[in-house]
Amino acid sequence: MSGEAKAVPVNIMGREYRVSCTEDEKPQLLEAVALVNQKMLELKDRSKTVGLERIAVMAALNIAHEYLTTRVGGGFDIADFRRRISGMEATIDQAVADQDELF
């Protein structure tokens, strides 16, 4: 059953954690784990920060900053992107309709 939550073992910086999620959520969980692990390893490699807790907090702040930057203001404008996709879909629909009339 995909709706039942199970404990999934994940590894971040050599430490194992168990995170509860459904089977449907598992791919996104593993992707998130990979991102967090990558950010933490990058911070560890390029700074003198030694403590796991400090590295985790700095990684969380970096990830939150990236998220907020793409969500609002100085980054990616999702509303504009959606409008552009809708415009492209309308153009494609019209082109396909025009082709159907040829046959």
Protein backbone atom coordinates (compact mmCIF):
# COMPACT_ATOMS: atom_id res chain seq x y z
CA MET A 1 0.00 0.00 0.00
CA SER A 2 1.60 3.27 -1.11
CA GLY A 3 -0.19 5.46 1.49
CA GLU A 4 1.34 3.68 4.49
CA ALA A 5 4.34 5.45 6.02
CA LYS A 6 7.46 3.38 6.62
CA ALA A 7 10.83 4.22 8.14
CA VAL A 8 13.39 4.67 5.36
CA PRO A 9 17.09 4.56 6.28
CA VAL A 10 19.06 7.48 4.81
CA ASN A 11 22.70 8.44 5.11
CA ILE A 12 23.91 12.01 5.54
CA MET A 13 27.61 12.66 6.02
CA GLY A 14 28.21 9.09 7.07
CA ARG A 15 25.46 9.03 9.68
CA GLU A 16 22.34 6.96 9.28
CA TYR A 17 18.92 8.43 9.99
CA ARG A 18 15.49 6.85 9.67
CA VAL A 19 12.83 9.04 8.08
CA SER A 20 9.17 8.09 7.88
CA CYS A 21 7.52 8.50 4.47
CA THR A 22 5.15 6.73 2.10
CA GLU A 23 6.37 4.75 -0.89
CA ASP A 24 5.12 7.56 -3.17
CA GLU A 25 7.20 10.12 -1.26
CA LYS A 26 10.38 8.03 -1.21
CA PRO A 27 11.93 9.29 -4.50
CA GLN A 28 11.56 12.91 -3.39
CA LEU A 29 12.93 12.08 0.06
CA LEU A 30 16.00 10.46 -1.48
CA GLU A 31 16.48 13.47 -3.75
CA ALA A 32 16.25 15.79 -0.73
CA VAL A 33 18.74 13.63 1.20
CA ALA A 34 21.18 13.79 -1.72
CA LEU A 35 20.86 17.59 -1.87
CA VAL A 36 21.36 18.04 1.87
CA ASN A 37 24.30 15.63 1.91
CA GLN A 38 25.91 17.41 -1.06
CA LYS A 39 25.50 20.86 0.53
CA MET A 40 26.86 19.67 3.86
CA LEU A 41 29.89 18.00 2.25
CA GLU A 42 30.59 21.17 0.20
CA LEU A 43 30.47 23.29 3.35
CA LYS A 44 32.71 20.88 5.22
CA ASP A 45 35.25 20.86 2.39
CA ARG A 46 35.43 24.63 1.88
CA SER A 47 35.26 25.90 5.45
CA LYS A 48 36.84 25.27 8.78
CA THR A 49 33.50 24.40 10.31
CA VAL A 50 33.91 21.08 12.06
CA GLY A 51 30.74 20.42 14.03
CA LEU A 52 28.04 18.45 12.29
CA GLU A 53 25.33 20.62 13.84
CA ARG A 54 26.92 23.85 12.58
CA ILE A 55 27.38 22.38 9.10
CA ALA A 56 23.73 21.25 9.09
CA VAL A 57 22.49 24.72 10.10
CA MET A 58 24.65 26.43 7.47
CA ALA A 59 23.46 23.97 4.79
CA ALA A 60 19.84 24.57 5.81
CA LEU A 61 20.34 28.33 5.55
CA ASN A 62 21.96 28.00 2.12
CA ILE A 63 19.17 25.75 0.84
CA ALA A 64 16.49 28.08 2.25
CA HIS A 65 18.18 31.08 0.64
CA GLU A 66 18.32 29.33 -2.75
CA TYR A 67 14.67 28.36 -2.43
CA LEU A 68 13.54 31.86 -1.51
CA THR A 69 15.64 33.42 -4.27
CA THR A 70 14.01 31.26 -6.93
CA ARG A 71 10.56 31.66 -5.42
CA VAL A 72 10.41 35.43 -5.16
CA GLY A 73 12.09 38.54 -6.41
CA GLY A 74 15.64 38.18 -7.59
CA GLY A 75 15.31 34.79 -9.19
CA PHE A 76 12.88 32.68 -11.12
CA ASP A 77 9.40 34.16 -11.65
CA ILE A 78 7.08 31.16 -11.65
CA ALA A 79 4.01 33.20 -12.64
CA ASP A 80 5.77 34.56 -15.74
CA PHE A 81 7.01 31.06 -16.58
CA ARG A 82 3.47 29.66 -16.36
CA ARG A 83 2.13 32.46 -18.58
CA ARG A 84 4.81 31.73 -21.18
CA ILE A 85 4.04 28.01 -21.13
CA SER A 86 0.32 28.73 -21.55
CA GLY A 87 1.12 30.93 -24.54
CA MET A 88 3.27 28.19 -26.06
CA GLU A 89 0.52 25.61 -25.50
CA ALA A 90 -2.00 27.85 -27.26
CA THR A 91 0.38 28.31 -30.20
CA ILE A 92 0.99 24.54 -30.43
CA ASP A 93 -2.74 23.79 -30.19
CA GLN A 94 -3.42 26.22 -33.04
CA ALA A 95 -0.64 24.76 -35.19
CA VAL A 96 -1.94 21.22 -34.63
CA ALA A 97 -5.51 22.33 -35.43
CA ASP A 98 -4.29 23.95 -38.66
CA GLN A 99 -2.52 20.70 -39.64
CA ASP A 100 -5.66 18.64 -39.01
CA GLU A 101 -7.52 20.78 -41.57
CA LEU A 102 -4.95 19.84 -44.24
CA PHE A 103 -5.93 16.17 -44.13
